[in-house]
Amino acid sequence: MKKILILAIALCAATLSFAQQLQVSTGSAKGSTYTDMFTTMGKYCGSQIALVPLPSTGSVENLDRLVGNQVNAAFVQSDMLYMRAMTEDLGSIKTLLALHPETVHFVAPQRSGIKSGGVLGVGGSEVVLTDISQLAGLRVGAAGGSVVTAKVIQLQSEVSYSLVSYDTNALALEALAKGEVNAVVLVGGAPLGSVAALPAGYKLLAVPPALVEKLKNVYRPIRANYRNLGAAGVPTVSTDALLVARSYKTPKMVDALAQFRQCVLASLDEIKETTGTHAAWQNVRAENKGLWPYYDLPTPAGKR
């Protein structure tokens, strides 16, 4: 009887200590950068607050869930927020944590197959694609959240390529191999597996300085390096991976979010120096607040 009573008291205490849960929309249950990073957050901060992951297909579904009040927080690319904000009010969505940069990769074949000059298709020379300004009038493929990135860059850079949407990155790359599109947009923390796995015969297109300037309100300049493509320091842009939350007024939710953020930032150095944590953590900086409005939270109640 005494053991049962002790167990009941322990369970009650545990329930009280985790009275407030944070449900977070992450990424693929089979594995993704978002899912991996949230798992790490749980290892370091799960003893302080109950963190509940909800697997998803990525940024698009994550933002839909957050706007629909199905979760408390979600992993989202910052450019997706800017795109959605063009047609709906996202003023209540704030940055809880600014994470790593997600590099925008414009992949094209080494040989474009596009002829310039000549008469009636005879003669002329093959166009060598080097930067994305040359994609005007050409076909560009993308899948998932990369479709949004391709749209935002298309609008802000004023490079009028024709965007073709695919269900997966694999299908987009298959279309590129068949010559159905002239380039493919792939977005993710570098090195991105789908780019690192490409065989010889492909290249990364640069984002030239004039276009970087046009994109600066949404994207940051970055350089991409892939030995398999012979790419060393190709200039491109990146979007921030963010953990965003809805704005709350109740003390229990505000304090839960503040406690969670403080724990992650306080654990950042240890996370980075722990062997086996995802490489994306190395590019997370505590001082970075991202380009989307930051959530102004008070000091957690237990830390005052």
C-alpha atoms as a PDB file:
ATOM      1  CA  MET A   1       0.000   0.000   0.000  1.00  0.00           C
ATOM      2  CA  LYS A   2       2.832   2.360   0.925  1.00  0.00           C
ATOM      3  CA  LYS A   3       4.572   1.705  -2.431  1.00  0.00           C
ATOM      4  CA  ILE A   4       1.347   2.425  -4.308  1.00  0.00           C
ATOM      5  CA  LEU A   5       0.927   5.700  -2.416  1.00  0.00           C
ATOM      6  CA  ILE A   6       4.506   6.772  -3.172  1.00  0.00           C
ATOM      7  CA  LEU A   7       4.011   5.935  -6.862  1.00  0.00           C
ATOM      8  CA  ALA A   8       0.760   7.928  -6.979  1.00  0.00           C
ATOM      9  CA  ILE A   9       2.472  10.939  -5.404  1.00  0.00           C
ATOM     10  CA  ALA A  10       5.339  10.675  -7.897  1.00  0.00           C
ATOM     11  CA  LEU A  11       2.948  10.488 -10.842  1.00  0.00           C
ATOM     12  CA  CYS A  12       1.005  13.444  -9.530  1.00  0.00           C
ATOM     13  CA  ALA A  13       4.204  15.483  -9.163  1.00  0.00           C
ATOM     14  CA  ALA A  14       5.254  14.566 -12.698  1.00  0.00           C
ATOM     15  CA  THR A  15       1.845  15.601 -14.026  1.00  0.00           C
ATOM     16  CA  LEU A  16       2.064  18.914 -12.221  1.00  0.00           C
ATOM     17  CA  SER A  17       5.602  19.619 -13.411  1.00  0.00           C
ATOM     18  CA  PHE A  18       4.483  19.010 -16.994  1.00  0.00           C
ATOM     19  CA  ALA A  19       1.123  20.737 -16.666  1.00  0.00           C
ATOM     20  CA  GLN A  20       1.894  22.677 -19.866  1.00  0.00           C
ATOM     21  CA  GLN A  21       2.904  20.825 -23.005  1.00  0.00           C
ATOM     22  CA  LEU A  22       4.406  22.313 -26.142  1.00  0.00           C
ATOM     23  CA  GLN A  23       3.190  20.528 -29.254  1.00  0.00           C
ATOM     24  CA  VAL A  24       5.586  21.183 -32.113  1.00  0.00           C
ATOM     25  CA  SER A  25       5.177  20.351 -35.807  1.00  0.00           C
ATOM     26  CA  THR A  26       8.564  19.034 -36.941  1.00  0.00           C
ATOM     27  CA  GLY A  27       9.376  17.024 -40.093  1.00  0.00           C
ATOM     28  CA  SER A  28       9.380  13.524 -41.508  1.00  0.00           C
ATOM     29  CA  ALA A  29       9.034  10.723 -38.967  1.00  0.00           C
ATOM     30  CA  LYS A  30      11.600   8.811 -41.045  1.00  0.00           C
ATOM     31  CA  GLY A  31      14.172  11.494 -40.358  1.00  0.00           C
ATOM     32  CA  SER A  32      14.803  15.131 -41.259  1.00  0.00           C
ATOM     33  CA  THR A  33      16.961  17.979 -40.001  1.00  0.00           C
ATOM     34  CA  TYR A  34      13.957  19.456 -38.161  1.00  0.00           C
ATOM     35  CA  THR A  35      13.041  16.151 -36.524  1.00  0.00           C
ATOM     36  CA  ASP A  36      16.637  15.472 -35.518  1.00  0.00           C
ATOM     37  CA  MET A  37      17.101  18.928 -34.006  1.00  0.00           C
ATOM     38  CA  PHE A  38      13.857  18.737 -32.045  1.00  0.00           C
ATOM     39  CA  THR A  39      14.876  15.346 -30.675  1.00  0.00           C
ATOM     40  CA  THR A  40      18.087  16.954 -29.421  1.00  0.00           C
ATOM     41  CA  MET A  41      16.124  19.806 -27.855  1.00  0.00           C
ATOM     42  CA  GLY A  42      14.054  17.195 -26.037  1.00  0.00           C
ATOM     43  CA  LYS A  43      17.156  15.490 -24.641  1.00  0.00           C
ATOM     44  CA  TYR A  44      18.385  18.737 -23.108  1.00  0.00           C
ATOM     45  CA  CYS A  45      15.129  20.452 -22.178  1.00  0.00           C
ATOM     46  CA  GLY A  46      12.558  17.661 -21.943  1.00  0.00           C
ATOM     47  CA  SER A  47      13.082  17.365 -18.197  1.00  0.00           C
ATOM     48  CA  GLN A  48      11.873  20.946 -17.752  1.00  0.00           C
ATOM     49  CA  ILE A  49       8.850  21.014 -20.058  1.00  0.00           C
ATOM     50  CA  ALA A  50       6.876  18.374 -21.950  1.00  0.00           C
ATOM     51  CA  LEU A  51       7.835  18.583 -25.644  1.00  0.00           C
ATOM     52  CA  VAL A  52       5.537  16.721 -28.009  1.00  0.00           C
ATOM     53  CA  PRO A  53       6.671  16.288 -31.640  1.00  0.00           C
ATOM     54  CA  LEU A  54       4.141  15.980 -34.453  1.00  0.00           C
ATOM     55  CA  PRO A  55       5.758  14.584 -37.622  1.00  0.00           C
ATOM     56  CA  SER A  56       4.913  16.354 -40.883  1.00  0.00           C
ATOM     57  CA  THR A  57       5.793  16.675 -44.550  1.00  0.00           C
ATOM     58  CA  GLY A  58       7.759  19.876 -43.885  1.00  0.00           C
ATOM     59  CA  SER A  59       7.410  23.659 -43.766  1.00  0.00           C
ATOM     60  CA  VAL A  60       4.170  23.945 -45.732  1.00  0.00           C
ATOM     61  CA  GLU A  61       2.231  21.577 -43.484  1.00  0.00           C
ATOM     62  CA  ASN A  62       3.948  22.965 -40.383  1.00  0.00           C
ATOM     63  CA  LEU A  63       2.780  26.514 -41.083  1.00  0.00           C
ATOM     64  CA  ASP A  64      -0.727  25.313 -41.940  1.00  0.00           C
ATOM     65  CA  ARG A  65      -0.914  23.562 -38.557  1.00  0.00           C
ATOM     66  CA  LEU A  66       0.341  26.599 -36.668  1.00  0.00           C
ATOM     67  CA  VAL A  67      -2.045  29.007 -38.389  1.00  0.00           C
ATOM     68  CA  GLY A  68      -4.844  26.494 -37.817  1.00  0.00           C
ATOM     69  CA  ASN A  69      -4.097  26.336 -34.061  1.00  0.00           C
ATOM     70  CA  GLN A  70      -3.266  22.629 -34.215  1.00  0.00           C
ATOM     71  CA  VAL A  71       0.185  23.088 -32.630  1.00  0.00           C
ATOM     72  CA  ASN A  72       1.949  25.586 -30.391  1.00  0.00           C
ATOM     73  CA  ALA A  73       5.089  25.932 -32.496  1.00  0.00           C
ATOM     74  CA  ALA A  74       6.471  24.786 -35.841  1.00  0.00           C
ATOM     75  CA  PHE A  75       9.669  24.559 -37.872  1.00  0.00           C
ATOM     76  CA  VAL A  76       9.345  26.820 -40.918  1.00  0.00           C
ATOM     77  CA  GLN A  77      11.563  28.439 -43.528  1.00  0.00           C
ATOM     78  CA  SER A  78      11.524  32.234 -43.180  1.00  0.00           C
ATOM     79  CA  ASP A  79      10.802  32.842 -46.876  1.00  0.00           C
ATOM     80  CA  MET A  80       7.623  30.787 -46.573  1.00  0.00           C
ATOM     81  CA  LEU A  81       6.392  33.220 -43.942  1.00  0.00           C
ATOM     82  CA  TYR A  82       7.078  36.154 -46.246  1.00  0.00           C
ATOM     83  CA  MET A  83       5.260  34.434 -49.112  1.00  0.00           C
ATOM     84  CA  ARG A  84       2.186  33.636 -47.014  1.00  0.00           C
ATOM     85  CA  ALA A  85       2.184  37.145 -45.530  1.00  0.00           C
ATOM     86  CA  MET A  86       1.465  38.502 -49.016  1.00  0.00           C
ATOM     87  CA  THR A  87      -2.045  37.071 -48.878  1.00  0.00           C
ATOM     88  CA  GLU A  88      -2.879  36.603 -45.187  1.00  0.00           C
ATOM     89  CA  ASP A  89      -2.240  38.173 -41.797  1.00  0.00           C
ATOM     90  CA  LEU A  90       0.635  36.430 -40.020  1.00  0.00           C
ATOM     91  CA  GLY A  91       1.139  39.153 -37.430  1.00  0.00           C
ATOM     92  CA  SER A  92       0.557  36.716 -34.572  1.00  0.00           C
ATOM     93  CA  ILE A  93       3.377  34.392 -35.723  1.00  0.00           C
ATOM     94  CA  LYS A  94       6.715  35.176 -34.047  1.00  0.00           C
ATOM     95  CA  THR A  95      10.223  33.712 -34.102  1.00  0.00           C
ATOM     96  CA  LEU A  96      10.851  31.590 -31.029  1.00  0.00           C
ATOM     97  CA  LEU A  97      14.292  30.396 -32.160  1.00  0.00           C
ATOM     98  CA  ALA A  98      16.328  31.309 -35.239  1.00  0.00           C
ATOM     99  CA  LEU A  99      18.211  28.174 -36.218  1.00  0.00           C
ATOM    100  CA  HIS A 100      20.551  27.358 -39.114  1.00  0.00           C
ATOM    101  CA  PRO A 101      20.690  28.821 -42.632  1.00  0.00           C
ATOM    102  CA  GLU A 102      19.127  26.658 -45.336  1.00  0.00           C
ATOM    103  CA  THR A 103      21.089  27.092 -48.537  1.00  0.00           C
ATOM    104  CA  VAL A 104      19.273  27.656 -51.829  1.00  0.00           C
ATOM    105  CA  HIS A 105      20.836  25.402 -54.474  1.00  0.00           C
ATOM    106  CA  PHE A 106      20.131  26.082 -58.153  1.00  0.00           C
ATOM    107  CA  VAL A 107      21.295  22.865 -59.835  1.00  0.00           C
ATOM    108  CA  ALA A 108      21.812  22.698 -63.614  1.00  0.00           C
ATOM    109  CA  PRO A 109      23.560  20.297 -65.997  1.00  0.00           C
ATOM    110  CA  GLN A 110      27.114  21.130 -67.016  1.00  0.00           C
ATOM    111  CA  ARG A 111      25.913  21.195 -70.618  1.00  0.00           C
ATOM    112  CA  SER A 112      22.721  23.180 -71.000  1.00  0.00           C
ATOM    113  CA  GLY A 113      21.712  21.847 -74.398  1.00  0.00           C
ATOM    114  CA  ILE A 114      20.492  25.358 -75.247  1.00  0.00           C
ATOM    115  CA  LYS A 115      21.734  26.848 -78.527  1.00  0.00           C
ATOM    116  CA  SER A 116      22.311  30.531 -79.201  1.00  0.00           C
ATOM    117  CA  GLY A 117      22.689  31.996 -82.668  1.00  0.00           C
ATOM    118  CA  GLY A 118      22.506  29.979 -85.861  1.00  0.00           C
ATOM    119  CA  VAL A 119      19.680  29.844 -88.387  1.00  0.00           C
ATOM    120  CA  LEU A 120      16.611  27.606 -88.054  1.00  0.00           C
ATOM    121  CA  GLY A 121      18.308  25.538 -85.406  1.00  0.00           C
ATOM    122  CA  VAL A 122      21.439  25.024 -87.466  1.00  0.00           C
ATOM    123  CA  GLY A 123      24.790  26.257 -86.223  1.00  0.00           C
ATOM    124  CA  GLY A 124      25.156  28.544 -83.242  1.00  0.00           C
ATOM    125  CA  SER A 125      26.863  27.792 -79.950  1.00  0.00           C
ATOM    126  CA  GLU A 126      25.741  26.128 -76.744  1.00  0.00           C
ATOM    127  CA  VAL A 127      24.759  28.476 -73.925  1.00  0.00           C
ATOM    128  CA  VAL A 128      26.848  28.001 -70.791  1.00  0.00           C
ATOM    129  CA  LEU A 129      24.695  28.637 -67.714  1.00  0.00           C
ATOM    130  CA  THR A 130      26.640  30.219 -64.865  1.00  0.00           C
ATOM    131  CA  ASP A 131      24.135  32.245 -62.819  1.00  0.00           C
ATOM    132  CA  ILE A 132      20.400  32.373 -62.234  1.00  0.00           C
ATOM    133  CA  SER A 133      19.854  35.576 -64.230  1.00  0.00           C
ATOM    134  CA  GLN A 134      20.238  33.370 -67.323  1.00  0.00           C
ATOM    135  CA  LEU A 135      17.201  31.304 -66.333  1.00  0.00           C
ATOM    136  CA  ALA A 136      14.783  33.944 -67.653  1.00  0.00           C
ATOM    137  CA  GLY A 137      12.438  32.229 -70.095  1.00  0.00           C
ATOM    138  CA  LEU A 138      13.644  28.755 -69.072  1.00  0.00           C
ATOM    139  CA  ARG A 139      11.971  25.988 -67.062  1.00  0.00           C
ATOM    140  CA  VAL A 140      12.899  25.546 -63.381  1.00  0.00           C
ATOM    141  CA  GLY A 141      11.713  22.597 -61.282  1.00  0.00           C
ATOM    142  CA  ALA A 142      11.152  22.398 -57.522  1.00  0.00           C
ATOM    143  CA  ALA A 143       9.289  20.323 -54.912  1.00  0.00           C
ATOM    144  CA  GLY A 144       7.757  20.915 -51.478  1.00  0.00           C
ATOM    145  CA  GLY A 145       8.970  23.997 -49.638  1.00  0.00           C
ATOM    146  CA  SER A 146      11.480  24.655 -52.426  1.00  0.00           C
ATOM    147  CA  VAL A 147       8.543  25.622 -54.664  1.00  0.00           C
ATOM    148  CA  VAL A 148       7.826  28.529 -52.326  1.00  0.00           C
ATOM    149  CA  THR A 149      11.501  29.541 -52.347  1.00  0.00           C
ATOM    150  CA  ALA A 150      11.575  29.420 -56.145  1.00  0.00           C
ATOM    151  CA  LYS A 151       8.443  31.613 -56.300  1.00  0.00           C
ATOM    152  CA  VAL A 152       9.774  34.206 -53.858  1.00  0.00           C
ATOM    153  CA  ILE A 153      13.110  34.442 -55.674  1.00  0.00           C
ATOM    154  CA  GLN A 154      11.302  34.642 -59.020  1.00  0.00           C
ATOM    155  CA  LEU A 155       9.166  37.560 -57.778  1.00  0.00           C
ATOM    156  CA  GLN A 156      11.849  39.508 -55.940  1.00  0.00           C
ATOM    157  CA  SER A 157      14.707  38.986 -58.387  1.00  0.00           C
ATOM    158  CA  GLU A 158      12.428  39.611 -61.393  1.00  0.00           C
ATOM    159  CA  VAL A 159      14.008  36.663 -63.217  1.00  0.00           C
ATOM    160  CA  SER A 160      11.021  35.382 -65.183  1.00  0.00           C
ATOM    161  CA  TYR A 161      11.607  31.643 -65.349  1.00  0.00           C
ATOM    162  CA  SER A 162       8.746  29.164 -65.725  1.00  0.00           C
ATOM    163  CA  LEU A 163       8.276  27.211 -62.492  1.00  0.00           C
ATOM    164  CA  VAL A 164       7.363  23.511 -62.667  1.00  0.00           C
ATOM    165  CA  SER A 165       6.227  21.831 -59.441  1.00  0.00           C
ATOM    166  CA  TYR A 166       6.973  18.185 -58.554  1.00  0.00           C
ATOM    167  CA  ASP A 167       5.889  15.959 -55.689  1.00  0.00           C
ATOM    168  CA  THR A 168       9.440  15.162 -54.557  1.00  0.00           C
ATOM    169  CA  ASN A 169      13.011  16.352 -55.054  1.00  0.00           C
ATOM    170  CA  ALA A 170      13.797  12.989 -56.638  1.00  0.00           C
ATOM    171  CA  LEU A 171      11.168  13.566 -59.334  1.00  0.00           C
ATOM    172  CA  ALA A 172      12.431  17.096 -59.957  1.00  0.00           C
ATOM    173  CA  LEU A 173      15.991  15.805 -60.414  1.00  0.00           C
ATOM    174  CA  GLU A 174      14.707  13.038 -62.685  1.00  0.00           C
ATOM    175  CA  ALA A 175      13.054  15.693 -64.853  1.00  0.00           C
ATOM    176  CA  LEU A 176      16.343  17.610 -64.935  1.00  0.00           C
ATOM    177  CA  ALA A 177      18.210  14.490 -66.084  1.00  0.00           C
ATOM    178  CA  LYS A 178      15.659  14.027 -68.892  1.00  0.00           C
ATOM    179  CA  GLY A 179      15.980  17.636 -70.008  1.00  0.00           C
ATOM    180  CA  GLU A 180      12.375  18.465 -69.104  1.00  0.00           C
ATOM    181  CA  VAL A 181      13.576  21.410 -67.002  1.00  0.00           C
ATOM    182  CA  ASN A 182      16.738  23.497 -67.269  1.00  0.00           C
ATOM    183  CA  ALA A 183      17.454  23.771 -63.537  1.00  0.00           C
ATOM    184  CA  VAL A 184      16.125  22.583 -60.182  1.00  0.00           C
ATOM    185  CA  VAL A 185      15.856  24.457 -56.881  1.00  0.00           C
ATOM    186  CA  LEU A 186      16.791  22.440 -53.776  1.00  0.00           C
ATOM    187  CA  VAL A 187      16.704  24.068 -50.339  1.00  0.00           C
ATOM    188  CA  GLY A 188      18.247  22.722 -47.133  1.00  0.00           C
ATOM    189  CA  GLY A 189      21.092  22.896 -44.673  1.00  0.00           C
ATOM    190  CA  ALA A 190      24.408  22.406 -46.445  1.00  0.00           C
ATOM    191  CA  PRO A 191      25.731  19.960 -47.278  1.00  0.00           C
ATOM    192  CA  LEU A 192      22.354  18.881 -48.632  1.00  0.00           C
ATOM    193  CA  GLY A 193      22.273  15.127 -49.221  1.00  0.00           C
ATOM    194  CA  SER A 194      20.470  15.260 -52.575  1.00  0.00           C
ATOM    195  CA  VAL A 195      23.075  17.694 -53.917  1.00  0.00           C
ATOM    196  CA  ALA A 196      26.066  15.907 -52.381  1.00  0.00           C
ATOM    197  CA  ALA A 197      24.891  12.678 -54.066  1.00  0.00           C
ATOM    198  CA  LEU A 198      24.774  14.130 -57.593  1.00  0.00           C
ATOM    199  CA  PRO A 199      27.207  12.597 -60.090  1.00  0.00           C
ATOM    200  CA  ALA A 200      29.590  14.553 -62.309  1.00  0.00           C
ATOM    201  CA  GLY A 201      27.796  16.423 -65.050  1.00  0.00           C
ATOM    202  CA  TYR A 202      25.947  18.891 -62.854  1.00  0.00           C
ATOM    203  CA  LYS A 203      26.810  22.332 -61.478  1.00  0.00           C
ATOM    204  CA  LEU A 204      25.536  24.978 -59.080  1.00  0.00           C
ATOM    205  CA  LEU A 205      24.412  28.289 -60.562  1.00  0.00           C
ATOM    206  CA  ALA A 206      25.504  31.450 -58.782  1.00  0.00           C
ATOM    207  CA  VAL A 207      23.235  34.182 -57.485  1.00  0.00           C
ATOM    208  CA  PRO A 208      25.023  37.347 -58.728  1.00  0.00           C
ATOM    209  CA  PRO A 209      25.537  40.395 -56.461  1.00  0.00           C
ATOM    210  CA  ALA A 210      22.828  42.472 -58.160  1.00  0.00           C
ATOM    211  CA  LEU A 211      20.226  39.812 -57.363  1.00  0.00           C
ATOM    212  CA  VAL A 212      21.543  39.232 -53.828  1.00  0.00           C
ATOM    213  CA  GLU A 213      20.831  42.933 -53.257  1.00  0.00           C
ATOM    214  CA  LYS A 214      17.253  42.539 -54.521  1.00  0.00           C
ATOM    215  CA  LEU A 215      16.704  39.538 -52.244  1.00  0.00           C
ATOM    216  CA  LYS A 216      18.271  40.968 -49.062  1.00  0.00           C
ATOM    217  CA  ASN A 217      14.995  41.544 -47.192  1.00  0.00           C
ATOM    218  CA  VAL A 218      14.236  37.819 -47.200  1.00  0.00           C
ATOM    219  CA  TYR A 219      17.524  36.015 -47.904  1.00  0.00           C
ATOM    220  CA  ARG A 220      21.100  36.215 -46.675  1.00  0.00           C
ATOM    221  CA  PRO A 221      24.198  35.732 -48.859  1.00  0.00           C
ATOM    222  CA  ILE A 222      26.045  32.440 -48.404  1.00  0.00           C
ATOM    223  CA  ARG A 223      28.539  30.292 -50.327  1.00  0.00           C
ATOM    224  CA  ALA A 224      28.043  26.665 -51.293  1.00  0.00           C
ATOM    225  CA  ASN A 225      30.816  24.050 -51.482  1.00  0.00           C
ATOM    226  CA  TYR A 226      30.381  20.593 -53.030  1.00  0.00           C
ATOM    227  CA  ARG A 227      33.419  18.573 -54.011  1.00  0.00           C
ATOM    228  CA  ASN A 228      31.360  16.193 -56.140  1.00  0.00           C
ATOM    229  CA  LEU A 229      30.365  19.121 -58.365  1.00  0.00           C
ATOM    230  CA  GLY A 230      33.725  20.863 -58.256  1.00  0.00           C
ATOM    231  CA  ALA A 231      31.912  23.736 -56.568  1.00  0.00           C
ATOM    232  CA  ALA A 232      34.088  25.845 -54.297  1.00  0.00           C
ATOM    233  CA  GLY A 233      32.494  28.926 -52.790  1.00  0.00           C
ATOM    234  CA  VAL A 234      29.638  29.367 -55.270  1.00  0.00           C
ATOM    235  CA  PRO A 235      27.749  32.529 -54.181  1.00  0.00           C
ATOM    236  CA  THR A 236      24.070  31.950 -53.462  1.00  0.00           C
ATOM    237  CA  VAL A 237      21.516  32.861 -50.787  1.00  0.00           C
ATOM    238  CA  SER A 238      19.982  31.158 -47.769  1.00  0.00           C
ATOM    239  CA  THR A 239      16.706  31.279 -45.901  1.00  0.00           C
ATOM    240  CA  ASP A 240      16.611  30.931 -42.117  1.00  0.00           C
ATOM    241  CA  ALA A 241      15.240  27.760 -40.564  1.00  0.00           C
ATOM    242  CA  LEU A 242      13.028  29.074 -37.774  1.00  0.00           C
ATOM    243  CA  LEU A 243      11.083  27.615 -34.900  1.00  0.00           C
ATOM    244  CA  VAL A 244       8.058  29.907 -34.769  1.00  0.00           C
ATOM    245  CA  ALA A 245       5.139  30.130 -32.356  1.00  0.00           C
ATOM    246  CA  ARG A 246       1.797  31.846 -32.137  1.00  0.00           C
ATOM    247  CA  SER A 247       1.580  34.852 -29.806  1.00  0.00           C
ATOM    248  CA  TYR A 248       0.005  33.874 -26.476  1.00  0.00           C
ATOM    249  CA  LYS A 249      -1.389  35.934 -23.585  1.00  0.00           C
ATOM    250  CA  THR A 250      -1.946  33.354 -20.845  1.00  0.00           C
ATOM    251  CA  PRO A 251       0.916  33.256 -18.307  1.00  0.00           C
ATOM    252  CA  LYS A 252       1.213  29.445 -18.490  1.00  0.00           C
ATOM    253  CA  MET A 253       1.865  29.474 -22.248  1.00  0.00           C
ATOM    254  CA  VAL A 254       4.088  32.547 -22.241  1.00  0.00           C
ATOM    255  CA  ASP A 255       6.193  31.107 -19.422  1.00  0.00           C
ATOM    256  CA  ALA A 256       6.413  27.696 -21.101  1.00  0.00           C
ATOM    257  CA  LEU A 257       7.730  29.225 -24.328  1.00  0.00           C
ATOM    258  CA  ALA A 258      10.155  31.467 -22.437  1.00  0.00           C
ATOM    259  CA  GLN A 259      11.455  28.546 -20.378  1.00  0.00           C
ATOM    260  CA  PHE A 260      11.906  26.418 -23.499  1.00  0.00           C
ATOM    261  CA  ARG A 261      13.815  29.100 -25.399  1.00  0.00           C
ATOM    262  CA  GLN A 262      16.060  29.909 -22.442  1.00  0.00           C
ATOM    263  CA  CYS A 263      16.891  26.219 -21.991  1.00  0.00           C
ATOM    264  CA  VAL A 264      17.824  25.679 -25.657  1.00  0.00           C
ATOM    265  CA  LEU A 265      20.022  28.784 -25.794  1.00  0.00           C
ATOM    266  CA  ALA A 266      21.687  27.929 -22.477  1.00  0.00           C
ATOM    267  CA  SER A 267      22.427  24.412 -23.787  1.00  0.00           C
ATOM    268  CA  LEU A 268      23.691  25.541 -27.184  1.00  0.00           C
ATOM    269  CA  ASP A 269      27.434  25.207 -26.536  1.00  0.00           C
ATOM    270  CA  GLU A 270      27.013  21.757 -25.009  1.00  0.00           C
ATOM    271  CA  ILE A 271      24.825  20.642 -27.926  1.00  0.00           C
ATOM    272  CA  LYS A 272      27.445  21.816 -30.418  1.00  0.00           C
ATOM    273  CA  GLU A 273      30.248  20.033 -28.585  1.00  0.00           C
ATOM    274  CA  THR A 274      28.394  16.747 -28.159  1.00  0.00           C
ATOM    275  CA  THR A 275      29.579  14.159 -30.677  1.00  0.00           C
ATOM    276  CA  GLY A 276      26.799  12.932 -32.918  1.00  0.00           C
ATOM    277  CA  THR A 277      24.451  15.920 -32.847  1.00  0.00           C
ATOM    278  CA  HIS A 278      23.289  17.168 -36.249  1.00  0.00           C
ATOM    279  CA  ALA A 279      25.825  19.281 -38.155  1.00  0.00           C
ATOM    280  CA  ALA A 280      23.230  22.072 -38.541  1.00  0.00           C
ATOM    281  CA  TRP A 281      23.696  22.936 -34.853  1.00  0.00           C
ATOM    282  CA  GLN A 282      27.167  24.284 -35.652  1.00  0.00           C
ATOM    283  CA  ASN A 283      25.526  27.144 -37.558  1.00  0.00           C
ATOM    284  CA  VAL A 284      23.041  28.097 -34.836  1.00  0.00           C
ATOM    285  CA  ARG A 285      23.993  31.325 -33.080  1.00  0.00           C
ATOM    286  CA  ALA A 286      22.380  32.513 -29.855  1.00  0.00           C
ATOM    287  CA  GLU A 287      22.543  36.155 -30.956  1.00  0.00           C
ATOM    288  CA  ASN A 288      20.766  35.498 -34.261  1.00  0.00           C
ATOM    289  CA  LYS A 289      17.107  36.543 -34.136  1.00  0.00           C
ATOM    290  CA  GLY A 290      16.353  35.951 -37.814  1.00  0.00           C
ATOM    291  CA  LEU A 291      14.692  38.285 -40.323  1.00  0.00           C
ATOM    292  CA  TRP A 292      11.100  37.523 -39.237  1.00  0.00           C
ATOM    293  CA  PRO A 293       9.718  39.409 -36.141  1.00  0.00           C
ATOM    294  CA  TYR A 294      11.195  37.993 -32.923  1.00  0.00           C
ATOM    295  CA  TYR A 295       9.017  36.858 -30.000  1.00  0.00           C
ATOM    296  CA  ASP A 296       9.603  39.237 -27.063  1.00  0.00           C
ATOM    297  CA  LEU A 297       9.265  36.960 -24.041  1.00  0.00           C
ATOM    298  CA  PRO A 298       9.793  37.759 -20.338  1.00  0.00           C
ATOM    299  CA  THR A 299      12.268  35.924 -18.121  1.00  0.00           C
ATOM    300  CA  PRO A 300      10.723  32.567 -17.123  1.00  0.00           C
ATOM    301  CA  ALA A 301       8.925  32.705 -13.764  1.00  0.00           C
ATOM    302  CA  GLY A 302      11.289  30.209 -12.149  1.00  0.00           C
ATOM    303  CA  LYS A 303      14.365  32.252 -13.189  1.00  0.00           C
ATOM    304  CA  ARG A 304      13.329  35.653 -11.872  1.00  0.00           C
END
